[in-house]
Amino acid sequence: MDLNNILSQLETANEEEVDALLQQYNRENSHTFAFEPKEEALRSKLCQSVLTVLGRQVPPSCQKTCLETLRILSRDKRVLAPVATREGMMILGRMARLRTGEEGGDEEKSSQEDTLSEEEERVVVEALKCLCNVVYNSPAAQQVSVDVQLAHGLCASLRTARSWRHEVGLFSLRLLFLLSALRPDLRGVLRREWHAVRLLSEVLEHTLDVRWVGPYEAACPDSQALPMPAEDNERAMEALKASFNLTLSYTGGEEDDHQFRLIAAILRHLLMLKTETEEKTEEAHSHAVNLLNNLPVSCLDVLIDLPVQGGEEKYGGKNMDVIQVLLDFMEKRIDKGSNYKEGLTPVLSLLTEGSRQHREIRRYIKAQVLPPLKDVKIRPEIGTTIRNKLVRLMTHVDMGVKQTAAEFLFVLCKESVDNLLKYTGYGNAAGLLVARGLLAGGRGETQYSEDEDSDTEEYKSAKPFINPITGHVEEPMPNPIEEMTEEQKEYEAQELVNMFDKLSRQNVIRPMGVRPDGTLAPLEETLCDPHEDNSGSDSD
């Protein structure tokens, strides 16, 4: 449909004609995402014309059609100038029933409180969709949203979340997520002045049907219950993403400790739930892990301290069900074999910090990941156990993945170099030891309990024959110089010296040594280090 024709007719059309005209445009462009650059100016004028119609008193059916048109146009970030104004954002805010800072009214009263007809609700949903598109695509609209305190209206709307219908809740939460993601300066205001973290926690409680049976302890989900409905899962994911933004790099204070512990308890409940598909369950677990990483590590005791549900005696009566869920999630992410940086490192970091700070978590995870060694004839990185998979990651090409996997295993070994080498071999652990200055052995700085791991009889008997570099017992190799004459041995040795000398002079290789503190340095520096005074020695 010709845009010039639409614009000329909109100028004189009544409400019914506007509705019919824009409906035709919407049908023709409902699946259009790439627009003609030459019609950019015309589409911008259409945005302005639609806003003009919305500024008048038109019935909900016409409002809905106008907003659908605006949603389609808002896919093109180059035509949003008329919408990204104070007037344009205020119109969309009113259509979405969001009270902005420029509007009066009771602070505790939200415009969502009124019962909406189905047609009016569709208007609200379309307006929220438009706002999501416009905010995402236009930095100018983001600034106007801050100026008119659009997020304040969203927080007021959160107070009535229990009465939300699905799409109203979904797009309200998505808009809050977008604003908190794209405007970091807004996060502090949302936390302090509008208590958005608490409001989002209440949304999660309601959506996930959390029933409290003790302080920071939710009732265990019924194993016979139906999986969480897809709509509830969608809203929960948006709430988790917004909560992640608001808690990012925020340490909080004593007054926030209670709220953080409530969030940890809600996330534990979420991790124990199942959704309608395995893919959706994994997505929920991923968002839960990301948010748990933002919480103070001291709050992670909420995950295992469940007096009502009880736990295992050998782990101090702590309940390790959710830790097992996290381990299973971690192994699934390893098995995927891709996107380790975003998909795997968060759960590895979470389990590492949990193990470092909570003895029972470390003991449980070590029993699953690093059980006592028996078969030491196979290299540590070969096999299908979770230890084999993690050791393979210690030499991954991505530095962040490699360091995170190595740190996780190091903490499970109580930061003991000897213990780590026992499970991984020196070759796999070398990168971590260089980074930590522990090539000469020793321990990390964290203090751990004194209980020692007992070795199996199989390991003790094989220990003298284990190659410390590869971490396994190697088959005896034939001696390559056994049948050489003395002259041949001397010739080969001289050739090797010449090759090393050539590579060293061309700076292809650089001979290194180990300082007394365990760090690497050029060989000439380690040889020139001052030694202890030997003046009292009788030797010449």
Foldseek 3Di string as FASTA:
>chain_A
DDLVVLVVCLVPDDLVVLLVSLVVVCVVQVPPLDDDPVCLVSLLVLLLSLLVVLVDDDDLSSLLSSLSSLLSSLSDLSNCVNLLDLSNLVSLCVQLQFQWQVDDDDLLDGSVPDDDDPSSVSSNLSSLSSLLSNLQRDPSSLVSCVVRVSVSSLLSVLVVLLPDDLSSLLSSLQSLLSSLVVPVVCLVCCCPVSVVLVSLLVNLCNLLVFDDPDQLATDADDPPDDAREPSSLSSNLSSLSSNLSNLAPPADDPVCLSSLLNLLSSLLNLLNGGHPDPVSSLSSVLSSLSSLLSYPLVSNQSNFPDVVVWPDVVLVRTNCPSVVSLVVSLLVQLVVVDPCVSRHLSSLVSLLSNVLVRVSSLVVVCCQQPNADAAQADFLLDDDGNSNSLLVQCPDPDPSSNQSSLSSLCVSLVQWPVSSLLRRACQSNVVVCQVQLAQVTDGDDRDDDPDDDDHDPNCVVCVVQADRHRNGRYDDDDDPCPPPDPVVVVVVVVVVVVVVVVCCVVVVDFDWDAAPSRHIDGPVVRVPPDDPDPVVDPDD
